[in-house]
Amino acid sequence: MKILRGLSEITGTGPGAITVGTFDGVHLGHIEIISRLKEIAAEKGLCTTLVTFYPHPRLIVHGGINPVKLLTSQEEKLHLLDTAGLNQVLIIPFDESFSNMDYRSFIQDILLDRLKMKAMIVGYDHSFGKNREGTYANIQSLSTKLGFSVEKVGPLQLDGKNIGSSKIREMLQLGAVEAATESLGRRYSLCGTVIHGVARGRSLQFPTANLRLEYENKLIPENGVYAVDVEYNGSVFKGMLNIGFKPTFETGHAFTIEVHILEFNKDIYGEQLKVIFKKRLRSEKKFENKEALIAQLEIDKKKSLKL
């Protein structure tokens, strides 16, 4: 897959089938859109191009007030799009100036003049351009005048509910990682660097790796204890992850993300880990003493090993 990081990198693009969007999470609904895009491209002999934006528009619009937490970093998204089998992805730098471009100019100046668009695929609820006026109805009206086809892909549903990035974020914010897995088509994950903590886990015989996330806008699931897989140096280990404030030890309310890797004993400070969520085991709890906490950790460990 060719990655075009800005309009200046568009060169020699042939007639194209194009879709536009943020595609945060690259979930099963997005894959449905991409699959239809590839079908249309194959039928008409077109190049498949996905146009997306960086940073995410909701991190810029309205002065960045109440910015969204994201399911994927840009590099995670690009990796997932690569596996989806696209010919190319165009990443348009998104700033306040670009946010004021109306949908007609966007279609004419970028999609038609630069990318030679012949066919466009849009999601059922997607719109773009200033004030989000680039709705399916408006694009369809414009397509007849400018000579390109446009098709809307209806919502993909799971248990009678539409799959969408916002819904998946809500699931994760409730700790419903298994439900999120079904909509994503894969398990949700976090990547980070192992940093020094207070080493309390070692005194409990449950040493943990404290993580500093690679991407500051990454959505962190609800506080609690999770059964996870841990990818490290090309190998996968079972583990249990704690997200939260460790209330048993009165740590001054310092928020941490720390993982105990089962049957593992290596010094990995400064190394990169990827934790992959399988199941939320329980919420955080303040225990009466260290012994009660250790007893609960043993229970958590048994549950994690069974998964």
Protein backbone atom coordinates (compact mmCIF):
# COMPACT_ATOMS: atom_id res chain seq x y z
CA MET A 1 0.00 0.00 0.00
CA LYS A 2 1.34 3.39 -0.98
CA ILE A 3 1.12 6.11 1.67
CA LEU A 4 0.80 9.73 0.50
CA ARG A 5 1.56 12.05 3.40
CA GLY A 6 0.09 15.25 1.97
CA LEU A 7 -1.27 16.61 -1.30
CA SER A 8 2.23 17.32 -2.63
CA GLU A 9 2.93 13.58 -2.80
CA ILE A 10 0.13 12.91 -5.29
CA THR A 11 1.85 12.02 -8.56
CA GLY A 12 0.68 10.10 -11.57
CA THR A 13 -2.51 8.82 -9.97
CA GLY A 14 -4.75 7.01 -12.43
CA PRO A 15 -8.54 6.98 -12.38
CA GLY A 16 -9.64 6.16 -8.88
CA ALA A 17 -12.31 4.69 -6.64
CA ILE A 18 -12.24 6.74 -3.44
CA THR A 19 -13.61 6.75 0.06
CA VAL A 20 -13.13 9.51 2.64
CA GLY A 21 -13.18 9.42 6.42
CA THR A 22 -11.29 9.27 9.69
CA PHE A 23 -11.59 5.47 9.93
CA ASP A 24 -10.65 5.46 13.62
CA GLY A 25 -10.39 1.87 14.79
CA VAL A 26 -10.72 0.37 11.29
CA HIS A 27 -13.62 -1.69 12.63
CA LEU A 28 -15.85 -4.18 10.78
CA GLY A 29 -18.09 -1.39 9.46
CA HIS A 30 -15.04 0.26 7.90
CA ILE A 31 -13.93 -3.04 6.41
CA GLU A 32 -17.37 -3.33 4.78
CA ILE A 33 -16.83 0.05 3.10
CA ILE A 34 -13.34 -0.89 1.95
CA SER A 35 -14.57 -4.23 0.60
CA ARG A 36 -17.20 -2.49 -1.52
CA LEU A 37 -14.61 0.05 -2.66
CA LYS A 38 -12.37 -2.78 -3.88
CA GLU A 39 -15.29 -4.45 -5.67
CA ILE A 40 -16.15 -1.25 -7.55
CA ALA A 41 -12.49 -0.68 -8.40
CA ALA A 42 -12.14 -4.21 -9.77
CA GLU A 43 -15.27 -3.84 -11.89
CA LYS A 44 -14.13 -0.54 -13.41
CA GLY A 45 -10.35 -0.98 -13.42
CA LEU A 46 -9.72 1.78 -10.89
CA CYS A 47 -7.11 2.49 -8.22
CA THR A 48 -8.44 2.26 -4.65
CA THR A 49 -7.65 5.32 -2.55
CA LEU A 50 -8.70 5.98 1.03
CA VAL A 51 -8.50 9.65 2.01
CA THR A 52 -8.10 10.34 5.71
CA PHE A 53 -6.91 13.16 7.95
CA TYR A 54 -4.25 13.83 10.57
CA PRO A 55 -4.71 14.92 13.28
CA HIS A 56 -8.24 13.62 13.80
CA PRO A 57 -10.60 16.54 12.98
CA ARG A 58 -12.17 16.42 16.43
CA LEU A 59 -8.79 17.24 17.95
CA ILE A 60 -8.82 20.52 15.99
CA VAL A 61 -12.39 21.77 15.57
CA HIS A 62 -13.94 23.94 18.28
CA GLY A 63 -10.47 24.85 19.48
CA GLY A 64 -9.77 21.31 20.66
CA ILE A 65 -12.39 21.55 23.43
CA ASN A 66 -13.51 18.08 24.60
CA PRO A 67 -11.15 16.27 22.21
CA VAL A 68 -12.02 12.68 21.39
CA LYS A 69 -9.92 9.79 22.64
CA LEU A 70 -9.03 7.53 19.74
CA LEU A 71 -9.07 3.79 19.11
CA THR A 72 -5.97 3.88 16.91
CA SER A 73 -2.88 5.99 16.50
CA GLN A 74 -2.04 7.02 12.96
CA GLU A 75 0.55 4.24 12.59
CA GLU A 76 -1.85 1.62 13.99
CA LYS A 77 -4.50 2.78 11.55
CA LEU A 78 -2.12 2.64 8.61
CA HIS A 79 -1.06 -0.89 9.52
CA LEU A 80 -4.69 -2.03 9.64
CA LEU A 81 -5.50 -0.32 6.35
CA ASP A 82 -2.50 -2.00 4.75
CA THR A 83 -3.85 -5.41 5.73
CA ALA A 84 -7.22 -4.43 4.16
CA GLY A 85 -5.64 -4.47 0.69
CA LEU A 86 -5.90 -0.84 -0.47
CA ASN A 87 -3.73 0.54 -3.28
CA GLN A 88 -3.03 3.81 -1.49
CA VAL A 89 -3.92 6.05 1.44
CA LEU A 90 -3.79 9.83 1.26
CA ILE A 91 -3.28 11.55 4.63
CA ILE A 92 -4.35 15.19 4.48
CA PRO A 93 -2.94 17.45 7.23
CA PHE A 94 -5.99 18.76 9.07
CA ASP A 95 -5.90 22.26 10.52
CA GLU A 96 -8.33 25.11 11.10
CA SER A 97 -7.80 26.46 7.58
CA PHE A 98 -8.58 23.10 5.97
CA SER A 99 -11.66 22.68 8.17
CA ASN A 100 -13.18 25.69 6.40
CA MET A 101 -13.01 24.10 2.94
CA ASP A 102 -16.50 23.39 1.62
CA TYR A 103 -17.34 19.94 0.27
CA ARG A 104 -17.68 21.13 -3.33
CA SER A 105 -14.14 22.50 -3.39
CA PHE A 106 -12.85 19.37 -1.68
CA ILE A 107 -14.45 17.12 -4.28
CA GLN A 108 -13.43 19.25 -7.26
CA ASP A 109 -9.93 20.35 -6.24
CA ILE A 110 -8.70 17.22 -4.50
CA LEU A 111 -10.79 14.19 -5.42
CA LEU A 112 -11.42 15.01 -9.07
CA ASP A 113 -8.54 17.23 -10.19
CA ARG A 114 -5.75 15.56 -8.22
CA LEU A 115 -6.93 11.98 -7.64
CA LYS A 116 -8.94 11.58 -10.89
CA MET A 117 -11.93 10.15 -9.04
CA LYS A 118 -14.44 8.15 -11.09
CA ALA A 119 -16.29 6.42 -8.26
CA MET A 120 -16.91 7.32 -4.62
CA ILE A 121 -18.02 5.11 -1.74
CA VAL A 122 -19.35 6.69 1.47
CA GLY A 123 -20.54 5.32 4.79
CA TYR A 124 -24.22 5.58 5.62
CA ASP A 125 -23.73 8.36 8.21
CA HIS A 126 -20.61 10.09 6.89
CA SER A 127 -20.41 13.72 5.85
CA PHE A 128 -17.48 16.09 5.36
CA GLY A 129 -16.53 19.64 4.48
CA LYS A 130 -17.33 22.89 6.26
CA ASN A 131 -20.33 22.49 8.56
CA ARG A 132 -20.43 18.84 7.42
CA GLU A 133 -22.46 19.81 4.37
CA GLY A 134 -20.95 17.02 2.28
CA THR A 135 -23.84 14.63 2.93
CA TYR A 136 -24.68 11.70 0.70
CA ALA A 137 -27.64 13.59 -0.81
CA ASN A 138 -25.49 16.60 -1.67
CA ILE A 139 -22.67 14.47 -3.06
CA GLN A 140 -25.15 12.50 -5.16
CA SER A 141 -26.55 15.72 -6.62
CA LEU A 142 -23.04 16.92 -7.43
CA SER A 143 -21.98 13.61 -8.96
CA THR A 144 -24.38 13.89 -11.88
CA LYS A 145 -22.98 17.31 -12.78
CA LEU A 146 -19.32 16.38 -12.43
CA GLY A 147 -19.35 12.88 -13.92
CA PHE A 148 -18.56 10.45 -11.11
CA SER A 149 -20.62 7.74 -9.46
CA VAL A 150 -21.35 7.63 -5.74
CA GLU A 151 -22.63 4.76 -3.63
CA LYS A 152 -23.62 4.61 0.03
CA VAL A 153 -22.78 1.55 2.12
CA GLY A 154 -25.47 0.89 4.69
CA PRO A 155 -24.68 0.25 8.36
CA LEU A 156 -23.20 -3.06 9.42
CA GLN A 157 -25.11 -4.33 12.43
CA LEU A 158 -24.30 -6.60 15.33
CA ASP A 159 -27.17 -7.78 17.53
CA GLY A 160 -29.42 -5.23 15.86
CA LYS A 161 -27.13 -2.26 16.59
CA ASN A 162 -24.99 -0.30 14.14
CA ILE A 163 -21.24 -0.78 14.44
CA GLY A 164 -19.42 2.54 14.79
CA SER A 165 -16.31 4.08 16.31
CA SER A 166 -18.31 6.07 18.87
CA LYS A 167 -20.16 2.94 20.03
CA ILE A 168 -16.88 1.05 20.41
CA ARG A 169 -15.42 3.90 22.46
CA GLU A 170 -18.46 3.73 24.74
CA MET A 171 -17.98 -0.02 25.19
CA LEU A 172 -14.33 0.40 26.16
CA GLN A 173 -15.13 3.24 28.55
CA LEU A 174 -17.44 0.77 30.33
CA GLY A 175 -14.79 -1.96 30.30
CA ALA A 176 -16.77 -4.09 27.83
CA VAL A 177 -13.69 -5.26 25.96
CA GLU A 178 -15.31 -8.47 24.70
CA ALA A 179 -18.15 -6.52 23.07
CA ALA A 180 -15.58 -4.17 21.54
CA THR A 181 -13.72 -7.17 20.13
CA GLU A 182 -16.83 -8.27 18.25
CA SER A 183 -17.28 -4.86 16.60
CA LEU A 184 -13.60 -4.30 15.88
CA GLY A 185 -13.06 -7.75 14.43
CA ARG A 186 -9.96 -8.04 16.63
CA ARG A 187 -8.97 -7.44 20.25
CA TYR A 188 -8.30 -3.90 21.42
CA SER A 189 -4.72 -3.14 22.39
CA LEU A 190 -2.42 -0.57 23.98
CA CYS A 191 1.27 -0.06 23.21
CA GLY A 192 3.77 1.51 25.54
CA THR A 193 7.24 1.70 27.01
CA VAL A 194 8.09 0.02 30.32
CA ILE A 195 9.03 2.65 32.90
CA HIS A 196 10.10 2.50 36.56
CA GLY A 197 7.37 2.43 39.19
CA VAL A 198 7.53 2.05 42.97
CA ALA A 199 8.22 -1.73 42.67
CA ARG A 200 5.41 -2.62 45.08
CA GLY A 201 4.27 -5.50 42.90
CA ARG A 202 7.58 -7.28 43.44
CA SER A 203 7.01 -7.29 47.21
CA LEU A 204 3.65 -8.98 46.55
CA GLN A 205 5.31 -11.63 44.35
CA PHE A 206 3.45 -10.12 41.40
CA PRO A 207 6.04 -7.87 39.72
CA THR A 208 4.51 -5.50 37.19
CA ALA A 209 5.69 -3.55 34.17
CA ASN A 210 4.43 0.05 34.33
CA LEU A 211 3.55 1.39 30.90
CA ARG A 212 3.84 4.86 29.42
CA LEU A 213 1.62 4.88 26.35
CA GLU A 214 3.14 5.68 22.97
CA TYR A 215 0.11 7.74 21.91
CA GLU A 216 -1.29 10.30 24.35
CA ASN A 217 -4.73 10.46 22.70
CA LYS A 218 -5.27 6.69 22.84
CA LEU A 219 -8.47 5.64 24.60
CA ILE A 220 -7.78 3.76 27.84
CA PRO A 221 -10.53 1.31 28.89
CA GLU A 222 -12.38 1.63 32.19
CA ASN A 223 -10.31 1.20 35.35
CA GLY A 224 -10.03 -2.36 36.60
CA VAL A 225 -8.22 -5.65 36.22
CA TYR A 226 -8.09 -7.36 32.83
CA ALA A 227 -6.87 -10.64 31.45
CA VAL A 228 -4.57 -9.77 28.55
CA ASP A 229 -2.03 -11.15 26.15
CA VAL A 230 1.33 -9.38 26.11
CA GLU A 231 3.46 -9.13 22.97
CA TYR A 232 7.15 -8.67 23.68
CA ASN A 233 10.10 -9.12 21.36
CA GLY A 234 8.17 -11.33 18.93
CA SER A 235 6.64 -13.59 21.61
CA VAL A 236 3.20 -13.62 23.25
CA PHE A 237 2.64 -14.19 26.98
CA LYS A 238 -0.45 -14.32 29.15
CA GLY A 239 -0.84 -11.54 31.66
CA MET A 240 -3.12 -9.50 33.87
CA LEU A 241 -3.36 -5.75 33.61
CA ASN A 242 -4.39 -3.19 36.20
CA ILE A 243 -5.66 0.23 35.14
CA GLY A 244 -6.29 2.78 37.86
CA PHE A 245 -5.09 4.19 41.18
CA LYS A 246 -4.17 1.18 43.36
CA PRO A 247 -6.45 2.26 46.26
CA THR A 248 -5.13 -0.33 48.74
CA PHE A 249 -1.84 1.51 49.13
CA GLU A 250 -2.91 5.17 49.27
CA THR A 251 -0.51 6.14 46.48
CA GLY A 252 -1.63 9.74 46.27
CA HIS A 253 -4.09 8.89 43.52
CA ALA A 254 -1.38 8.38 40.86
CA PHE A 255 -2.91 6.81 37.76
CA THR A 256 -1.03 3.80 36.41
CA ILE A 257 -1.25 1.16 33.72
CA GLU A 258 0.71 -1.88 34.85
CA VAL A 259 0.85 -5.45 33.65
CA HIS A 260 1.98 -8.62 35.39
CA ILE A 261 3.31 -11.03 32.76
CA LEU A 262 2.65 -14.59 33.81
CA GLU A 263 5.56 -17.05 33.91
CA PHE A 264 8.00 -14.33 32.88
CA ASN A 265 11.14 -13.04 34.59
CA LYS A 266 13.18 -10.52 32.60
CA ASP A 267 14.39 -6.95 33.09
CA ILE A 268 12.48 -5.05 30.41
CA TYR A 269 12.77 -1.42 31.50
CA GLY A 270 12.78 0.81 28.42
CA GLU A 271 11.36 -1.96 26.22
CA GLN A 272 8.17 -1.81 24.15
CA LEU A 273 5.12 -3.91 25.06
CA LYS A 274 1.75 -4.40 23.45
CA VAL A 275 -1.11 -5.49 25.72
CA ILE A 276 -4.13 -7.09 24.08
CA PHE A 277 -7.39 -7.09 26.03
CA LYS A 278 -9.28 -10.37 26.44
CA LYS A 279 -11.65 -9.94 29.39
CA ARG A 280 -12.34 -7.57 32.28
CA LEU A 281 -11.98 -9.61 35.46
CA ARG A 282 -13.10 -7.09 38.06
CA SER A 283 -13.15 -3.47 39.12
CA GLU A 284 -10.50 -1.91 41.34
CA LYS A 285 -11.01 -2.50 45.02
CA LYS A 286 -9.41 -1.34 48.26
CA PHE A 287 -8.40 -4.40 50.29
CA GLU A 288 -8.07 -4.53 54.07
CA ASN A 289 -4.44 -5.60 53.94
CA LYS A 290 -1.67 -6.91 51.72
CA GLU A 291 -2.59 -10.55 52.36
CA ALA A 292 -6.15 -10.04 51.13
CA LEU A 293 -4.83 -8.37 47.98
CA ILE A 294 -2.41 -11.24 47.31
CA ALA A 295 -5.25 -13.76 47.71
CA GLN A 296 -7.31 -11.86 45.14
CA LEU A 297 -4.33 -11.63 42.77
CA GLU A 298 -3.98 -15.41 42.91
CA ILE A 299 -7.63 -15.72 41.89
CA ASP A 300 -7.09 -13.23 39.06
CA LYS A 301 -4.05 -15.20 37.93
CA LYS A 302 -5.98 -18.48 37.74
CA LYS A 303 -8.72 -16.82 35.69
CA SER A 304 -6.16 -15.26 33.34
CA LEU A 305 -4.38 -18.58 32.79
CA LYS A 306 -7.67 -20.27 31.87
CA LEU A 307 -8.44 -17.76 29.11
